Amino acid sequence: MLIRRAEERDAGRLTRLVRRSRAYEGPYSSMVEGYRVGPDYIVAHRVFVAVEELPGEGAEGAEGGGGERVLGFYALMVEPAELDLMFVSDQAQGRGIGRRLVEHMRGEARSAGIDKVRVVSHPPAEGFYRSVGARPVGTVPANPPVVRWDRPELEFVVVD
């Protein structure tokens, strides 16, 4: 697995990963319905993608990416410091990809001089964030019609 800076050409694959995530099925589907990770977003923020190389050009699962499969990604906003997006593909769950992405994010934050990174978590993901070192700091109230539930607010302390 390799974690690299996302490129504008990755936008479609990242959008599909978000929209197809089983974590957003059922009552959470409105959150990602029509969601788009655009090339402009990738250029404006620190977006990193975890990929695995596949044998042969255009191999199954590459989705037009030329020999690599997207396993997950994250987006770090610097001002204010926030982990805006983090997704691991359903097929890559349980392989430690999320932990590696969080480690990478902390390194990126550290290199940018950030000491804390805020995360407004999807409720089912709160346990994951806690397990990788985020601590709870509050709750963000629902914002209907798109977000109809309160969300946990956590933060990563970056500076050791």
Protein backbone atom coordinates (compact mmCIF):
# COMPACT_ATOMS: atom_id res chain seq x y z
CA MET A 1 0.00 0.00 0.00
CA LEU A 2 1.13 3.51 -0.82
CA ILE A 3 -0.24 6.80 0.50
CA ARG A 4 0.19 9.59 -2.02
CA ARG A 5 -1.11 13.09 -2.59
CA ALA A 6 -4.41 12.96 -4.43
CA GLU A 7 -4.51 14.42 -7.92
CA GLU A 8 -7.35 16.09 -9.76
CA ARG A 9 -7.82 12.90 -11.81
CA ASP A 10 -8.71 11.04 -8.58
CA ALA A 11 -11.87 13.09 -8.01
CA GLY A 12 -14.30 10.62 -9.60
CA ARG A 13 -12.91 7.63 -7.73
CA LEU A 14 -12.99 9.45 -4.39
CA THR A 15 -16.55 10.60 -5.03
CA ARG A 16 -17.61 7.02 -5.79
CA LEU A 17 -15.92 5.76 -2.62
CA VAL A 18 -17.91 8.27 -0.53
CA ARG A 19 -21.25 7.64 -2.24
CA ARG A 20 -20.92 3.83 -2.10
CA SER A 21 -19.82 3.61 1.53
CA ARG A 22 -21.97 1.14 3.48
CA ALA A 23 -21.39 3.34 6.55
CA TYR A 24 -23.82 5.81 4.99
CA GLU A 25 -26.68 3.46 4.16
CA GLY A 26 -30.16 3.78 5.60
CA PRO A 27 -30.82 6.86 7.71
CA TYR A 28 -27.37 8.27 6.93
CA SER A 29 -27.76 8.16 3.13
CA SER A 30 -28.87 11.80 2.87
CA MET A 31 -25.43 12.86 4.07
CA VAL A 32 -23.64 11.55 0.95
CA GLU A 33 -26.42 11.68 -1.61
CA GLY A 34 -25.11 13.85 -4.41
CA TYR A 35 -21.82 14.42 -2.53
CA ARG A 36 -18.88 15.25 -4.75
CA VAL A 37 -15.15 15.35 -4.12
CA GLY A 38 -14.22 17.70 -6.94
CA PRO A 39 -10.86 18.47 -8.51
CA ASP A 40 -11.07 21.96 -6.99
CA TYR A 41 -11.41 20.45 -3.50
CA ILE A 42 -8.37 18.23 -4.09
CA VAL A 43 -6.30 21.22 -5.19
CA ALA A 44 -7.45 23.43 -2.28
CA HIS A 45 -6.82 20.96 0.55
CA ARG A 46 -4.31 18.34 1.68
CA VAL A 47 -6.01 15.28 0.26
CA PHE A 48 -4.13 11.99 0.41
CA VAL A 49 -5.15 8.66 -1.04
CA ALA A 50 -4.14 5.12 -0.06
CA VAL A 51 -3.71 2.93 -3.12
CA GLU A 52 -2.50 -0.53 -3.96
CA GLU A 53 -0.86 -1.31 -7.26
CA LEU A 54 -2.65 -3.83 -9.45
CA PRO A 55 -0.99 -6.04 -12.03
CA GLY A 56 -1.66 -4.87 -15.56
CA GLU A 57 -3.08 -1.62 -16.92
CA GLY A 58 -6.75 -1.01 -16.14
CA ALA A 59 -7.06 -4.09 -13.94
CA GLU A 60 -10.36 -4.94 -12.27
CA GLY A 61 -11.13 -2.46 -9.50
CA ALA A 62 -8.86 0.23 -10.93
CA GLU A 63 -11.89 2.20 -12.16
CA GLY A 64 -9.90 3.92 -14.86
CA GLY A 65 -7.02 4.72 -12.53
CA GLY A 66 -4.42 2.88 -14.55
CA GLY A 67 -3.30 -0.04 -12.46
CA GLU A 68 -4.12 1.00 -8.91
CA ARG A 69 -7.05 0.49 -6.57
CA VAL A 70 -8.14 3.22 -4.16
CA LEU A 71 -8.32 1.79 -0.64
CA GLY A 72 -9.17 5.01 1.19
CA PHE A 73 -8.42 8.69 1.54
CA TYR A 74 -8.50 11.65 3.88
CA ALA A 75 -8.67 15.42 3.57
CA LEU A 76 -6.89 17.66 6.06
CA MET A 77 -7.97 21.27 6.19
CA VAL A 78 -5.27 23.50 7.62
CA GLU A 79 -7.14 26.66 8.56
CA PRO A 80 -8.92 25.83 10.77
CA ALA A 81 -7.27 22.46 11.38
CA GLU A 82 -9.84 19.75 10.70
CA LEU A 83 -9.99 16.23 9.35
CA ASP A 84 -12.76 17.02 6.90
CA LEU A 85 -13.12 13.64 5.17
CA MET A 86 -11.84 10.16 5.84
CA PHE A 87 -13.09 7.05 4.09
CA VAL A 88 -11.83 3.50 3.69
CA SER A 89 -13.44 1.40 0.97
CA ASP A 90 -15.79 -1.30 2.18
CA GLN A 91 -13.55 -3.98 0.62
CA ALA A 92 -10.46 -2.69 2.51
CA GLN A 93 -12.06 -2.49 5.97
CA GLY A 94 -10.19 -4.32 8.72
CA ARG A 95 -6.78 -4.15 7.02
CA GLY A 96 -5.35 -1.27 9.07
CA ILE A 97 -5.79 1.26 6.26
CA GLY A 98 -7.68 3.72 8.50
CA ARG A 99 -4.96 3.60 11.15
CA ARG A 100 -2.28 4.21 8.52
CA LEU A 101 -4.23 7.15 7.11
CA VAL A 102 -4.58 8.66 10.60
CA GLU A 103 -0.84 8.24 11.21
CA HIS A 104 -0.15 9.93 7.89
CA MET A 105 -2.60 12.74 8.68
CA ARG A 106 -0.88 13.39 12.01
CA GLY A 107 2.46 13.64 10.23
CA GLU A 108 1.03 16.08 7.69
CA ALA A 109 -0.52 18.17 10.47
CA ARG A 110 2.75 18.19 12.39
CA SER A 111 4.68 19.33 9.30
CA ALA A 112 2.15 22.15 8.84
CA GLY A 113 2.73 23.32 12.43
CA ILE A 114 -0.70 22.18 13.62
CA ASP A 115 -0.97 21.03 17.24
CA LYS A 116 -4.61 19.80 17.26
CA VAL A 117 -6.92 18.51 14.55
CA ARG A 118 -10.70 18.64 14.96
CA VAL A 119 -12.92 15.80 13.74
CA VAL A 120 -16.70 15.96 13.48
CA SER A 121 -17.40 12.25 13.29
CA HIS A 122 -20.04 10.21 11.55
CA PRO A 123 -21.65 8.63 14.66
CA PRO A 124 -20.74 5.01 13.76
CA ALA A 125 -17.08 6.06 13.25
CA GLU A 126 -16.61 7.55 16.72
CA GLY A 127 -15.26 4.30 18.16
CA PHE A 128 -12.65 4.10 15.41
CA TYR A 129 -11.45 7.65 16.01
CA ARG A 130 -11.20 7.01 19.75
CA SER A 131 -9.24 3.82 19.10
CA VAL A 132 -6.62 5.77 17.14
CA GLY A 133 -6.16 8.48 19.74
CA ALA A 134 -8.84 11.09 19.20
CA ARG A 135 -10.45 12.37 22.37
CA PRO A 136 -14.04 13.59 22.66
CA VAL A 137 -14.51 17.33 23.12
CA GLY A 138 -18.23 17.86 22.47
CA THR A 139 -21.21 17.30 20.22
CA VAL A 140 -22.20 19.10 17.03
CA PRO A 141 -26.00 19.47 16.91
CA ALA A 142 -28.05 18.16 14.00
CA ASN A 143 -28.45 20.44 11.00
CA PRO A 144 -31.58 19.26 9.13
CA PRO A 145 -32.49 18.44 6.46
CA VAL A 146 -29.16 16.86 5.40
CA VAL A 147 -27.72 16.01 8.82
CA ARG A 148 -30.58 14.90 11.03
CA TRP A 149 -28.51 13.60 13.96
CA ASP A 150 -26.06 15.00 16.46
CA ARG A 151 -22.43 14.16 15.72
CA PRO A 152 -19.53 13.56 18.10
CA GLU A 153 -16.77 16.17 18.02
CA LEU A 154 -13.28 14.88 18.74
CA GLU A 155 -9.73 16.10 18.41
CA PHE A 156 -6.33 14.62 17.75
CA VAL A 157 -3.43 16.11 19.69
CA VAL A 158 -0.64 16.21 17.14
CA VAL A 159 2.33 17.63 19.03
CA ASP A 160 3.89 15.08 21.36
